[in-house]
Amino acid sequence: MPTAAVDEPRFFLDRGLGSQIVPTALRARGWSLTTMDERYGTDRSQAVGDEEWISDAAVRGEILLCKDRAVARNVAEARAIYMHDARVFALARADLTGPAMAALFLNAEQRLLRMAVRARGPYVVSISPNGLTRLRLAYPLPGDR
């Protein structure tokens, strides 16, 4: 099995993106990725806190893919993103089917990869059929600077 190039982007998928449909579609296009279940096991992955997997994946240099852009609004999650310079791409809508989620990521593939490689974190970018939109993080809080 060939090894990934050192500068090839590596992705980490949150539990909301599942372990089958989305990862299979992305891997078929050559994306190097790890799912929550693969990293933590199927039982433990359900109990891993968002701050833990965000910091763990960011420290590993992985680009985070999320089902829900609420990670930018939740202060605890936004803090983990900010403190670890995480690069996060989240779907604008959380009510999509697996095939629809995979299609959104694949349709944005070139723009997503270009930004993931060139732009340093921290950031959360929303993915919709209309394109990519950088979101404001809920951290640091006003007065923390």
N, C-alpha and C. Protein backbone atom coordinates (compact mmCIF):
# COMPACT_ATOMS: atom_id res chain seq x y z
N MET A 1 0.85 -1.18 0.00
CA MET A 1 0.00 0.00 0.00
C MET A 1 0.89 1.24 0.00
N PRO A 2 0.67 2.18 -0.92
CA PRO A 2 1.52 3.38 -0.96
C PRO A 2 1.30 4.25 0.26
N THR A 3 2.36 4.92 0.67
CA THR A 3 2.24 5.83 1.82
C THR A 3 1.85 7.21 1.33
N ALA A 4 1.19 7.95 2.19
CA ALA A 4 0.75 9.30 1.85
C ALA A 4 1.95 10.23 1.80
N ALA A 5 1.90 11.17 0.88
CA ALA A 5 2.95 12.18 0.81
C ALA A 5 2.92 13.00 2.09
N VAL A 6 4.07 13.50 2.50
CA VAL A 6 4.17 14.25 3.74
C VAL A 6 3.24 15.46 3.74
N ASP A 7 3.12 16.14 2.59
CA ASP A 7 2.30 17.34 2.54
C ASP A 7 0.86 17.07 2.10
N GLU A 8 0.48 15.81 1.95
CA GLU A 8 -0.89 15.47 1.58
C GLU A 8 -1.81 15.76 2.76
N PRO A 9 -2.89 16.46 2.53
CA PRO A 9 -3.80 16.76 3.63
C PRO A 9 -4.40 15.48 4.22
N ARG A 10 -4.49 15.45 5.53
CA ARG A 10 -5.12 14.34 6.24
C ARG A 10 -6.34 14.90 6.96
N PHE A 11 -7.42 14.17 6.91
CA PHE A 11 -8.69 14.64 7.45
C PHE A 11 -9.14 13.76 8.61
N PHE A 12 -9.93 14.40 9.49
CA PHE A 12 -10.57 13.69 10.59
C PHE A 12 -12.06 14.00 10.52
N LEU A 13 -12.90 12.97 10.52
CA LEU A 13 -14.34 13.15 10.41
C LEU A 13 -15.02 12.99 11.75
N ASP A 14 -15.84 13.96 12.11
CA ASP A 14 -16.58 13.86 13.37
C ASP A 14 -17.64 12.78 13.27
N ARG A 15 -18.19 12.40 14.41
CA ARG A 15 -19.13 11.28 14.47
C ARG A 15 -20.38 11.52 13.64
N GLY A 16 -20.77 12.77 13.46
CA GLY A 16 -21.97 13.07 12.70
C GLY A 16 -21.88 12.72 11.23
N LEU A 17 -20.67 12.59 10.72
CA LEU A 17 -20.49 12.23 9.31
C LEU A 17 -20.50 10.72 9.10
N GLY A 18 -20.56 9.97 10.19
CA GLY A 18 -20.68 8.52 10.09
C GLY A 18 -19.36 7.82 9.80
N SER A 19 -19.47 6.51 9.64
CA SER A 19 -18.29 5.67 9.43
C SER A 19 -18.34 4.92 8.11
N GLN A 20 -19.36 5.13 7.32
CA GLN A 20 -19.48 4.36 6.08
C GLN A 20 -19.61 5.22 4.83
N ILE A 21 -20.76 5.84 4.64
CA ILE A 21 -21.08 6.49 3.37
C ILE A 21 -20.11 7.63 3.05
N VAL A 22 -19.98 8.60 3.94
CA VAL A 22 -19.11 9.75 3.66
C VAL A 22 -17.64 9.33 3.57
N PRO A 23 -17.11 8.58 4.55
CA PRO A 23 -15.70 8.18 4.44
C PRO A 23 -15.41 7.36 3.18
N THR A 24 -16.31 6.47 2.81
CA THR A 24 -16.11 5.65 1.61
C THR A 24 -16.06 6.51 0.36
N ALA A 25 -16.97 7.48 0.26
CA ALA A 25 -16.99 8.36 -0.92
C ALA A 25 -15.73 9.21 -1.00
N LEU A 26 -15.29 9.75 0.13
CA LEU A 26 -14.09 10.60 0.12
C LEU A 26 -12.84 9.77 -0.18
N ARG A 27 -12.75 8.59 0.43
CA ARG A 27 -11.59 7.72 0.16
C ARG A 27 -11.54 7.29 -1.31
N ALA A 28 -12.69 7.09 -1.92
CA ALA A 28 -12.74 6.71 -3.34
C ALA A 28 -12.14 7.81 -4.21
N ARG A 29 -12.16 9.05 -3.73
CA ARG A 29 -11.55 10.17 -4.46
C ARG A 29 -10.11 10.41 -4.03
N GLY A 30 -9.59 9.55 -3.12
CA GLY A 30 -8.20 9.66 -2.74
C GLY A 30 -7.92 10.44 -1.46
N TRP A 31 -8.95 10.83 -0.72
CA TRP A 31 -8.75 11.57 0.51
C TRP A 31 -8.19 10.64 1.59
N SER A 32 -7.20 11.11 2.31
CA SER A 32 -6.63 10.38 3.44
C SER A 32 -7.38 10.83 4.69
N LEU A 33 -8.05 9.89 5.37
CA LEU A 33 -8.89 10.29 6.50
C LEU A 33 -8.98 9.22 7.57
N THR A 34 -9.42 9.69 8.74
CA THR A 34 -9.69 8.83 9.88
C THR A 34 -11.05 9.24 10.43
N THR A 35 -11.87 8.25 10.79
CA THR A 35 -13.17 8.53 11.39
C THR A 35 -13.07 8.44 12.91
N MET A 36 -14.08 8.94 13.58
CA MET A 36 -14.15 8.84 15.05
C MET A 36 -14.07 7.38 15.48
N ASP A 37 -14.86 6.52 14.83
CA ASP A 37 -14.88 5.11 15.21
C ASP A 37 -13.51 4.45 15.00
N GLU A 38 -12.82 4.82 13.94
CA GLU A 38 -11.49 4.24 13.69
C GLU A 38 -10.48 4.68 14.75
N ARG A 39 -10.54 5.92 15.15
CA ARG A 39 -9.57 6.43 16.12
C ARG A 39 -9.87 5.96 17.54
N TYR A 40 -11.13 6.03 17.95
CA TYR A 40 -11.47 5.78 19.34
C TYR A 40 -12.21 4.47 19.60
N GLY A 41 -12.61 3.77 18.55
CA GLY A 41 -13.42 2.57 18.72
C GLY A 41 -14.89 2.94 18.73
N THR A 42 -15.76 2.03 18.29
CA THR A 42 -17.17 2.37 18.13
C THR A 42 -17.85 2.72 19.44
N ASP A 43 -17.50 2.07 20.53
CA ASP A 43 -18.14 2.37 21.81
C ASP A 43 -17.62 3.69 22.38
N ARG A 44 -16.31 3.85 22.45
CA ARG A 44 -15.73 5.05 23.06
C ARG A 44 -16.00 6.31 22.23
N SER A 45 -16.11 6.16 20.92
CA SER A 45 -16.29 7.35 20.08
C SER A 45 -17.57 8.11 20.43
N GLN A 46 -18.57 7.41 20.94
CA GLN A 46 -19.82 8.07 21.31
C GLN A 46 -19.66 8.93 22.57
N ALA A 47 -18.64 8.63 23.38
CA ALA A 47 -18.45 9.34 24.65
C ALA A 47 -17.35 10.39 24.60
N VAL A 48 -16.58 10.44 23.52
CA VAL A 48 -15.48 11.40 23.42
C VAL A 48 -16.07 12.81 23.28
N GLY A 49 -15.65 13.71 24.15
CA GLY A 49 -16.13 15.08 24.09
C GLY A 49 -15.60 15.81 22.88
N ASP A 50 -16.37 16.78 22.42
CA ASP A 50 -15.97 17.53 21.22
C ASP A 50 -14.63 18.22 21.40
N GLU A 51 -14.39 18.80 22.58
CA GLU A 51 -13.11 19.48 22.80
C GLU A 51 -11.94 18.51 22.68
N GLU A 52 -12.15 17.26 23.12
CA GLU A 52 -11.07 16.26 23.08
C GLU A 52 -10.72 15.88 21.65
N TRP A 53 -11.72 15.52 20.84
CA TRP A 53 -11.37 15.09 19.49
C TRP A 53 -10.90 16.26 18.62
N ILE A 54 -11.42 17.46 18.89
CA ILE A 54 -10.95 18.64 18.14
C ILE A 54 -9.47 18.87 18.42
N SER A 55 -9.10 18.90 19.69
CA SER A 55 -7.70 19.15 20.04
C SER A 55 -6.81 18.01 19.58
N ASP A 56 -7.25 16.77 19.73
CA ASP A 56 -6.46 15.62 19.32
C ASP A 56 -6.18 15.65 17.81
N ALA A 57 -7.22 15.88 17.01
CA ALA A 57 -7.04 15.91 15.56
C ALA A 57 -6.19 17.09 15.12
N ALA A 58 -6.41 18.25 15.73
CA ALA A 58 -5.65 19.45 15.35
C ALA A 58 -4.17 19.28 15.68
N VAL A 59 -3.87 18.70 16.84
CA VAL A 59 -2.47 18.46 17.23
C VAL A 59 -1.80 17.51 16.23
N ARG A 60 -2.55 16.59 15.69
CA ARG A 60 -2.03 15.64 14.70
C ARG A 60 -1.87 16.28 13.31
N GLY A 61 -2.34 17.52 13.17
CA GLY A 61 -2.23 18.21 11.89
C GLY A 61 -3.34 17.88 10.91
N GLU A 62 -4.39 17.25 11.40
CA GLU A 62 -5.49 16.86 10.53
C GLU A 62 -6.46 18.02 10.32
N ILE A 63 -7.13 18.00 9.18
CA ILE A 63 -8.17 18.96 8.86
C ILE A 63 -9.47 18.32 9.31
N LEU A 64 -10.26 19.06 10.06
CA LEU A 64 -11.47 18.51 10.64
C LEU A 64 -12.66 18.73 9.72
N LEU A 65 -13.43 17.68 9.51
CA LEU A 65 -14.67 17.75 8.75
C LEU A 65 -15.81 17.47 9.70
N CYS A 66 -16.80 18.37 9.73
CA CYS A 66 -17.91 18.26 10.68
C CYS A 66 -19.24 18.31 9.95
N LYS A 67 -20.23 17.70 10.58
CA LYS A 67 -21.58 17.74 10.04
C LYS A 67 -22.28 19.05 10.36
N ASP A 68 -21.88 19.69 11.45
CA ASP A 68 -22.63 20.83 11.96
C ASP A 68 -21.71 22.02 12.21
N ARG A 69 -22.06 23.15 11.66
CA ARG A 69 -21.23 24.34 11.83
C ARG A 69 -21.39 25.00 13.19
N ALA A 70 -22.18 24.39 14.07
CA ALA A 70 -22.35 24.92 15.43
C ALA A 70 -21.04 24.91 16.20
N VAL A 71 -20.03 24.18 15.73
CA VAL A 71 -18.73 24.18 16.42
C VAL A 71 -18.15 25.59 16.46
N ALA A 72 -18.53 26.43 15.54
CA ALA A 72 -18.03 27.82 15.55
C ALA A 72 -18.76 28.67 16.59
N ARG A 73 -19.99 28.31 16.92
CA ARG A 73 -20.80 29.09 17.86
C ARG A 73 -20.68 28.62 19.30
N ASN A 74 -20.41 27.35 19.51
CA ASN A 74 -20.28 26.81 20.86
C ASN A 74 -18.94 27.26 21.44
N VAL A 75 -18.97 27.95 22.56
CA VAL A 75 -17.75 28.55 23.12
C VAL A 75 -16.69 27.50 23.43
N ALA A 76 -17.05 26.38 24.04
CA ALA A 76 -16.07 25.35 24.39
C ALA A 76 -15.40 24.76 23.15
N GLU A 77 -16.20 24.49 22.13
CA GLU A 77 -15.65 23.95 20.89
C GLU A 77 -14.83 25.01 20.16
N ALA A 78 -15.34 26.23 20.10
CA ALA A 78 -14.61 27.32 19.45
C ALA A 78 -13.28 27.57 20.15
N ARG A 79 -13.26 27.45 21.47
CA ARG A 79 -12.01 27.61 22.22
C ARG A 79 -11.00 26.53 21.84
N ALA A 80 -11.45 25.28 21.73
CA ALA A 80 -10.55 24.19 21.32
C ALA A 80 -10.01 24.44 19.91
N ILE A 81 -10.86 24.92 19.02
CA ILE A 81 -10.43 25.25 17.66
C ILE A 81 -9.39 26.36 17.70
N TYR A 82 -9.68 27.41 18.44
CA TYR A 82 -8.79 28.56 18.54
C TYR A 82 -7.45 28.18 19.17
N MET A 83 -7.49 27.48 20.29
CA MET A 83 -6.26 27.16 21.04
C MET A 83 -5.35 26.20 20.29
N HIS A 84 -5.90 25.40 19.37
CA HIS A 84 -5.10 24.41 18.65
C HIS A 84 -4.94 24.74 17.17
N ASP A 85 -5.31 25.97 16.79
CA ASP A 85 -5.19 26.40 15.39
C ASP A 85 -5.83 25.41 14.42
N ALA A 86 -6.98 24.88 14.81
CA ALA A 86 -7.66 23.88 13.99
C ALA A 86 -8.19 24.49 12.70
N ARG A 87 -8.18 23.67 11.68
CA ARG A 87 -8.77 23.99 10.38
C ARG A 87 -10.01 23.12 10.25
N VAL A 88 -11.17 23.76 10.22
CA VAL A 88 -12.44 23.03 10.27
C VAL A 88 -13.32 23.40 9.08
N PHE A 89 -13.88 22.37 8.45
CA PHE A 89 -14.85 22.56 7.38
C PHE A 89 -16.12 21.85 7.82
N ALA A 90 -17.21 22.60 7.89
CA ALA A 90 -18.48 22.07 8.41
C ALA A 90 -19.60 22.32 7.41
N LEU A 91 -20.53 21.39 7.38
CA LEU A 91 -21.66 21.53 6.48
C LEU A 91 -22.62 22.61 6.98
N ALA A 92 -23.15 23.39 6.07
CA ALA A 92 -24.07 24.46 6.43
C ALA A 92 -25.39 23.92 6.94
N ARG A 93 -25.75 22.72 6.52
CA ARG A 93 -27.00 22.09 6.98
C ARG A 93 -26.67 20.73 7.58
N ALA A 94 -27.25 20.47 8.74
CA ALA A 94 -26.97 19.21 9.45
C ALA A 94 -28.03 18.15 9.18
N ASP A 95 -29.01 18.44 8.34
CA ASP A 95 -30.11 17.50 8.12
C ASP A 95 -30.00 16.73 6.80
N LEU A 96 -28.79 16.55 6.32
CA LEU A 96 -28.58 15.91 5.03
C LEU A 96 -28.35 14.41 5.17
N THR A 97 -28.64 13.68 4.11
CA THR A 97 -28.35 12.25 4.05
C THR A 97 -26.85 12.05 3.83
N GLY A 98 -26.38 10.84 4.07
CA GLY A 98 -24.97 10.52 3.84
C GLY A 98 -24.52 10.85 2.42
N PRO A 99 -25.25 10.40 1.39
CA PRO A 99 -24.83 10.74 0.02
C PRO A 99 -24.81 12.24 -0.25
N ALA A 100 -25.76 12.98 0.32
CA ALA A 100 -25.79 14.43 0.11
C ALA A 100 -24.61 15.10 0.81
N MET A 101 -24.25 14.62 2.01
CA MET A 101 -23.09 15.17 2.72
C MET A 101 -21.82 14.92 1.90
N ALA A 102 -21.65 13.70 1.43
CA ALA A 102 -20.47 13.36 0.64
C ALA A 102 -20.39 14.23 -0.61
N ALA A 103 -21.53 14.42 -1.27
CA ALA A 103 -21.57 15.23 -2.49
C ALA A 103 -21.13 16.67 -2.22
N LEU A 104 -21.56 17.24 -1.10
CA LEU A 104 -21.16 18.62 -0.78
C LEU A 104 -19.65 18.72 -0.60
N PHE A 105 -19.07 17.79 0.15
CA PHE A 105 -17.62 17.81 0.34
C PHE A 105 -16.90 17.63 -1.00
N LEU A 106 -17.36 16.71 -1.82
CA LEU A 106 -16.69 16.45 -3.09
C LEU A 106 -16.88 17.59 -4.08
N ASN A 107 -18.04 18.23 -4.07
CA ASN A 107 -18.25 19.37 -4.96
C ASN A 107 -17.36 20.56 -4.58
N ALA A 108 -17.02 20.66 -3.31
CA ALA A 108 -16.16 21.75 -2.84
C ALA A 108 -14.69 21.34 -2.76
N GLU A 109 -14.38 20.16 -3.26
CA GLU A 109 -13.06 19.56 -3.07
C GLU A 109 -11.89 20.49 -3.42
N GLN A 110 -11.88 21.07 -4.59
CA GLN A 110 -10.73 21.89 -5.00
C GLN A 110 -10.56 23.12 -4.12
N ARG A 111 -11.65 23.83 -3.86
CA ARG A 111 -11.58 25.02 -3.01
C ARG A 111 -11.21 24.65 -1.58
N LEU A 112 -11.81 23.57 -1.07
CA LEU A 112 -11.53 23.11 0.28
C LEU A 112 -10.06 22.74 0.43
N LEU A 113 -9.54 21.95 -0.49
CA LEU A 113 -8.13 21.53 -0.42
C LEU A 113 -7.19 22.72 -0.54
N ARG A 114 -7.51 23.64 -1.43
CA ARG A 114 -6.65 24.82 -1.60
C ARG A 114 -6.59 25.62 -0.29
N MET A 115 -7.74 25.84 0.33
CA MET A 115 -7.75 26.60 1.57
C MET A 115 -7.07 25.83 2.70
N ALA A 116 -7.35 24.54 2.79
CA ALA A 116 -6.79 23.71 3.86
C ALA A 116 -5.27 23.69 3.82
N VAL A 117 -4.71 23.72 2.64
CA VAL A 117 -3.25 23.67 2.50
C VAL A 117 -2.62 25.05 2.68
N ARG A 118 -3.28 26.10 2.22
CA ARG A 118 -2.69 27.44 2.24
C ARG A 118 -2.98 28.25 3.51
N ALA A 119 -4.18 28.11 4.06
CA ALA A 119 -4.59 28.97 5.17
C ALA A 119 -4.35 28.31 6.52
N ARG A 120 -3.60 28.98 7.37
CA ARG A 120 -3.38 28.48 8.73
C ARG A 120 -4.63 28.69 9.55
N GLY A 121 -4.82 27.82 10.53
CA GLY A 121 -5.94 27.96 11.45
C GLY A 121 -5.64 29.01 12.50
N PRO A 122 -6.56 29.32 13.32
CA PRO A 122 -7.83 28.63 13.46
C PRO A 122 -8.92 29.22 12.55
N TYR A 123 -9.77 28.34 12.05
CA TYR A 123 -10.94 28.78 11.31
C TYR A 123 -11.96 27.66 11.20
N VAL A 124 -13.21 28.09 10.97
CA VAL A 124 -14.30 27.20 10.62
C VAL A 124 -14.89 27.74 9.34
N VAL A 125 -15.01 26.88 8.35
CA VAL A 125 -15.57 27.26 7.06
C VAL A 125 -16.82 26.43 6.82
N SER A 126 -17.90 27.11 6.48
CA SER A 126 -19.17 26.45 6.19
C SER A 126 -19.21 26.08 4.71
N ILE A 127 -19.70 24.87 4.43
CA ILE A 127 -19.81 24.38 3.05
C ILE A 127 -21.29 24.26 2.70
N SER A 128 -21.67 24.92 1.62
CA SER A 128 -23.05 24.84 1.13
C SER A 128 -22.99 24.71 -0.39
N PRO A 129 -24.13 24.47 -1.03
CA PRO A 129 -24.12 24.42 -2.49
C PRO A 129 -23.65 25.73 -3.12
N ASN A 130 -23.72 26.83 -2.36
CA ASN A 130 -23.30 28.14 -2.88
C ASN A 130 -21.80 28.40 -2.70
N GLY A 131 -21.09 27.50 -2.02
CA GLY A 131 -19.65 27.68 -1.85
C GLY A 131 -19.21 27.61 -0.40
N LEU A 132 -18.05 28.20 -0.15
CA LEU A 132 -17.43 28.19 1.17
C LEU A 132 -17.57 29.56 1.82
N THR A 133 -17.90 29.57 3.11
CA THR A 133 -18.04 30.82 3.86
C THR A 133 -17.31 30.67 5.18
N ARG A 134 -16.36 31.56 5.43
CA ARG A 134 -15.64 31.53 6.70
C ARG A 134 -16.55 32.08 7.80
N LEU A 135 -16.64 31.35 8.92
CA LEU A 135 -17.50 31.73 10.03
C LEU A 135 -16.70 32.39 11.13
N ARG A 136 -17.38 33.23 11.90
CA ARG A 136 -16.76 33.87 13.05
C ARG A 136 -16.77 32.88 14.21
N LEU A 137 -15.63 32.71 14.88
CA LEU A 137 -15.54 31.85 16.05
C LEU A 137 -16.08 32.57 17.27
N ALA A 138 -16.73 31.83 18.16
CA ALA A 138 -17.28 32.38 19.40
C ALA A 138 -16.21 32.48 20.48
N TYR A 139 -14.94 32.41 20.10
CA TYR A 139 -13.84 32.54 21.02
C TYR A 139 -12.68 33.17 20.27
N PRO A 140 -11.88 34.05 20.84
CA PRO A 140 -11.97 34.51 22.21
C PRO A 140 -13.17 35.41 22.43
N LEU A 141 -13.61 35.43 23.66
CA LEU A 141 -14.75 36.26 24.03
C LEU A 141 -14.32 37.72 24.07
N PRO A 142 -15.26 38.64 23.86
CA PRO A 142 -14.90 40.07 23.94
C PRO A 142 -14.26 40.34 25.32
N GLY A 143 -13.18 41.05 25.31
CA GLY A 143 -12.47 41.36 26.55
C GLY A 143 -11.37 40.36 26.88
N ASP A 144 -11.31 39.23 26.17
CA ASP A 144 -10.26 38.23 26.41
C ASP A 144 -8.95 38.58 25.71
N ARG A 145 -9.00 39.53 24.82
CA ARG A 145 -7.81 39.81 24.01
C ARG A 145 -6.84 40.67 24.71
